[in-house]
Amino acid sequence: MSFWSRLSEDLKTARTHDPAARSDVEIALNYSGLHAIWVHRLTHRLWQRPDRRLLARTLSQLARFLTGVEIHPGASIGRRFFIDHGMGVVIGETAEIGDDVMLYHGVTLGGRSLAKVKRHPTVGDRVVIGAGAKVLGPIEIGADSAIGANAVVVKDVPEDSIVTGIPGKVRPRTPEKKQPLVDPSTYIDPAMWI
């Protein structure tokens, strides 16, 4: 995918996920979550070369300072990823994020171990994670799931689930909430299940 195609896709993703977005220029200039994602794409490429890892970490920390979003350059992030409001988001080194994922502010995809192994979550496609949620450890969050605001998740979550509370309690989506998510703007707000 070309640079311009990816840029266009990112701007479209922001428009479909944020009803307050008015124009591509406004999004490109003012969306700190999008700025953090753009810098991450660069730092992730640099991270693939061991001789460029210091530069990757330095640039990611500069982005953290400017955006309030900390994404380790080692994290793997899919397409059409969106961070709404951005501030306070932390994504650890071994985190893996699928396509069409949306995070709200204050989300942590963190570790629970100091061992040099996979220690951060794997988030499936089309997952929405609400404000302040903490998803910790090398767990898997199944596709098409929603994690409610301020939930603390430390165990695997099956596909098509809703997780709320501390500790996170998992329940399947009810039949009326199992509509296919064809258009990203049809995402269901995880705060609805609090």
Protein backbone atom coordinates (compact mmCIF):
# COMPACT_ATOMS: atom_id res chain seq x y z
CA MET A 1 0.00 0.00 0.00
CA SER A 2 1.42 3.39 -0.98
CA PHE A 3 2.06 6.19 1.48
CA TRP A 4 -0.79 8.28 0.05
CA SER A 5 -3.26 5.35 0.07
CA ARG A 6 -2.43 4.65 3.72
CA LEU A 7 -2.79 8.35 4.60
CA SER A 8 -6.18 8.48 2.87
CA GLU A 9 -7.28 5.29 4.68
CA ASP A 10 -6.23 6.75 8.05
CA LEU A 11 -8.16 9.96 7.45
CA LYS A 12 -11.25 8.02 6.37
CA THR A 13 -10.97 5.83 9.47
CA ALA A 14 -10.87 8.91 11.70
CA ARG A 15 -13.91 10.39 9.94
CA THR A 16 -15.94 7.20 10.38
CA HIS A 17 -14.97 6.77 14.04
CA ASP A 18 -15.40 10.33 15.25
CA PRO A 19 -18.66 12.17 14.59
CA ALA A 20 -16.95 15.44 15.58
CA ALA A 21 -14.50 15.21 12.65
CA ARG A 22 -15.26 17.91 10.10
CA SER A 23 -12.50 17.71 7.50
CA ASP A 24 -9.34 15.86 6.52
CA VAL A 25 -7.30 18.99 7.21
CA GLU A 26 -8.71 19.25 10.74
CA ILE A 27 -7.99 15.56 11.36
CA ALA A 28 -4.45 15.71 9.94
CA LEU A 29 -3.57 18.76 12.03
CA ASN A 30 -5.32 18.03 15.33
CA TYR A 31 -5.76 14.31 16.04
CA SER A 32 -2.99 13.31 18.44
CA GLY A 33 -3.96 9.63 18.30
CA LEU A 34 -3.48 9.67 14.55
CA HIS A 35 -0.14 11.47 14.90
CA ALA A 36 1.00 8.76 17.33
CA ILE A 37 -0.02 6.04 14.87
CA TRP A 38 1.87 7.74 12.03
CA VAL A 39 5.03 8.01 14.11
CA HIS A 40 4.61 4.40 15.22
CA ARG A 41 4.58 3.21 11.62
CA LEU A 42 7.95 4.87 11.10
CA THR A 43 9.45 3.67 14.39
CA HIS A 44 8.17 0.12 13.85
CA ARG A 45 10.04 -0.03 10.53
CA LEU A 46 13.17 1.26 12.22
CA TRP A 47 12.74 -1.28 15.04
CA GLN A 48 13.04 -4.14 12.52
CA ARG A 49 16.73 -3.26 12.12
CA PRO A 50 18.68 -3.79 15.37
CA ASP A 51 21.13 -0.98 14.50
CA ARG A 52 18.20 1.50 14.37
CA ARG A 53 16.47 0.58 17.62
CA LEU A 54 17.89 3.48 19.61
CA LEU A 55 16.59 5.89 16.99
CA ALA A 56 13.21 4.12 17.01
CA ARG A 57 12.91 4.39 20.80
CA THR A 58 14.01 8.03 20.77
CA LEU A 59 11.44 8.98 18.14
CA SER A 60 8.70 7.05 19.97
CA GLN A 61 9.49 8.95 23.16
CA LEU A 62 9.37 12.24 21.28
CA ALA A 63 5.94 11.23 19.94
CA ARG A 64 4.88 10.37 23.50
CA PHE A 65 5.92 13.83 24.65
CA LEU A 66 4.02 15.51 21.80
CA THR A 67 0.86 13.34 21.76
CA GLY A 68 0.44 11.79 25.21
CA VAL A 69 0.30 8.36 23.53
CA GLU A 70 3.06 5.81 24.18
CA ILE A 71 3.41 3.07 21.58
CA HIS A 72 6.52 0.92 21.79
CA PRO A 73 8.15 0.56 18.35
CA GLY A 74 8.11 -3.23 18.72
CA ALA A 75 4.30 -3.40 18.90
CA SER A 76 2.51 -4.74 15.80
CA ILE A 77 -0.54 -2.76 14.70
CA GLY A 78 -2.98 -3.58 11.90
CA ARG A 79 -4.75 -1.36 9.41
CA ARG A 80 -7.51 1.16 10.16
CA PHE A 81 -6.45 1.44 13.80
CA PHE A 82 -7.90 4.47 15.60
CA ILE A 83 -7.21 6.05 18.99
CA ASP A 84 -9.97 8.44 20.05
CA HIS A 85 -8.72 11.34 22.21
CA GLY A 86 -5.38 9.58 22.64
CA MET A 87 -4.10 10.93 25.94
CA GLY A 88 -2.75 8.30 28.32
CA VAL A 89 -2.79 5.34 25.91
CA VAL A 90 0.08 2.87 26.48
CA ILE A 91 0.85 -0.02 24.12
CA GLY A 92 3.67 -2.36 25.13
CA GLU A 93 6.48 -3.86 23.08
CA THR A 94 5.01 -7.30 22.38
CA ALA A 95 1.40 -6.16 21.89
CA GLU A 96 -0.26 -7.26 18.66
CA ILE A 97 -3.31 -5.38 17.37
CA GLY A 98 -5.50 -6.56 14.50
CA ASP A 99 -7.33 -4.56 11.85
CA ASP A 100 -10.19 -2.12 12.54
CA VAL A 101 -9.43 -1.80 16.26
CA MET A 102 -10.45 1.29 18.23
CA LEU A 103 -9.07 2.43 21.58
CA TYR A 104 -10.35 5.27 23.73
CA HIS A 105 -8.19 7.43 25.98
CA GLY A 106 -6.36 5.97 28.94
CA VAL A 107 -6.22 2.39 27.60
CA THR A 108 -3.23 0.26 28.60
CA LEU A 109 -2.14 -2.83 26.69
CA GLY A 110 0.47 -3.78 29.27
CA GLY A 111 2.55 -6.59 30.63
CA ARG A 112 2.58 -8.51 33.88
CA SER A 113 6.09 -9.94 33.66
CA LEU A 114 9.65 -8.70 33.39
CA ALA A 115 10.75 -11.79 31.44
CA LYS A 116 11.93 -11.18 27.87
CA VAL A 117 9.05 -13.12 26.32
CA LYS A 118 5.67 -12.19 24.83
CA ARG A 119 4.17 -10.29 27.75
CA HIS A 120 1.53 -8.02 26.20
CA PRO A 121 -1.96 -8.72 24.79
CA THR A 122 -2.97 -9.83 21.33
CA VAL A 123 -6.10 -7.95 20.24
CA GLY A 124 -8.20 -9.44 17.43
CA ASP A 125 -9.86 -7.64 14.54
CA ARG A 126 -12.75 -5.21 15.10
CA VAL A 127 -12.25 -4.91 18.87
CA VAL A 128 -13.31 -1.76 20.74
CA ILE A 129 -11.64 -0.98 24.08
CA GLY A 130 -13.30 1.67 26.27
CA ALA A 131 -11.69 4.56 28.13
CA GLY A 132 -9.38 3.64 30.98
CA ALA A 133 -9.48 -0.12 30.35
CA LYS A 134 -6.40 -2.13 31.31
CA VAL A 135 -5.66 -5.26 29.28
CA LEU A 136 -2.68 -6.96 30.88
CA GLY A 137 -0.46 -9.92 30.09
CA PRO A 138 0.03 -12.24 27.11
CA ILE A 139 -3.70 -12.81 26.71
CA GLU A 140 -5.88 -12.90 23.60
CA ILE A 141 -8.88 -10.70 23.02
CA GLY A 142 -11.10 -12.38 20.43
CA ALA A 143 -12.32 -10.62 17.30
CA ASP A 144 -15.51 -8.54 17.43
CA SER A 145 -15.32 -8.08 21.20
CA ALA A 146 -15.91 -4.94 23.26
CA ILE A 147 -14.18 -4.08 26.53
CA GLY A 148 -16.02 -1.58 28.71
CA ALA A 149 -14.56 1.56 30.22
CA ASN A 150 -12.23 0.98 33.19
CA ALA A 151 -12.43 -2.82 32.89
CA VAL A 152 -9.34 -4.77 33.99
CA VAL A 153 -8.80 -7.80 31.77
CA VAL A 154 -6.18 -10.42 32.68
CA LYS A 155 -7.66 -13.56 31.05
CA ASP A 156 -8.37 -14.57 27.47
CA VAL A 157 -11.60 -13.26 25.96
CA PRO A 158 -13.46 -15.37 23.37
CA GLU A 159 -14.58 -13.87 20.09
CA ASP A 160 -17.76 -11.81 20.06
CA SER A 161 -17.73 -11.04 23.78
CA ILE A 162 -18.36 -8.11 26.06
CA VAL A 163 -16.09 -7.56 29.08
CA THR A 164 -16.88 -5.20 31.96
CA GLY A 165 -15.78 -4.72 35.55
CA ILE A 166 -12.81 -5.31 37.81
CA PRO A 167 -11.80 -8.03 37.34
CA GLY A 168 -13.28 -8.20 33.86
CA LYS A 169 -16.32 -10.43 33.54
CA VAL A 170 -16.92 -11.91 30.10
CA ARG A 171 -20.32 -12.48 28.54
CA PRO A 172 -21.36 -13.15 24.96
CA ARG A 173 -23.06 -10.46 22.94
CA THR A 174 -26.81 -10.96 22.82
CA PRO A 175 -28.38 -11.79 19.42
CA GLU A 176 -29.49 -8.19 18.80
CA LYS A 177 -25.90 -7.01 19.31
CA LYS A 178 -24.42 -9.53 16.86
CA GLN A 179 -25.04 -7.41 13.78
CA PRO A 180 -22.16 -7.57 11.31
CA LEU A 181 -19.85 -4.59 11.55
CA VAL A 182 -19.70 -3.75 7.86
CA ASP A 183 -19.13 -0.05 8.38
CA PRO A 184 -16.69 0.98 11.18
CA SER A 185 -19.08 3.79 12.14
CA THR A 186 -21.51 1.11 13.38
CA TYR A 187 -19.22 0.16 16.28
CA ILE A 188 -21.13 -0.19 19.51
CA ASP A 189 -19.84 1.98 22.33
CA PRO A 190 -18.47 -0.33 25.08
CA ALA A 191 -19.70 2.15 27.71
CA MET A 192 -23.23 0.91 26.97
CA TRP A 193 -22.55 -2.23 29.05
CA ILE A 194 -21.33 -0.56 32.22
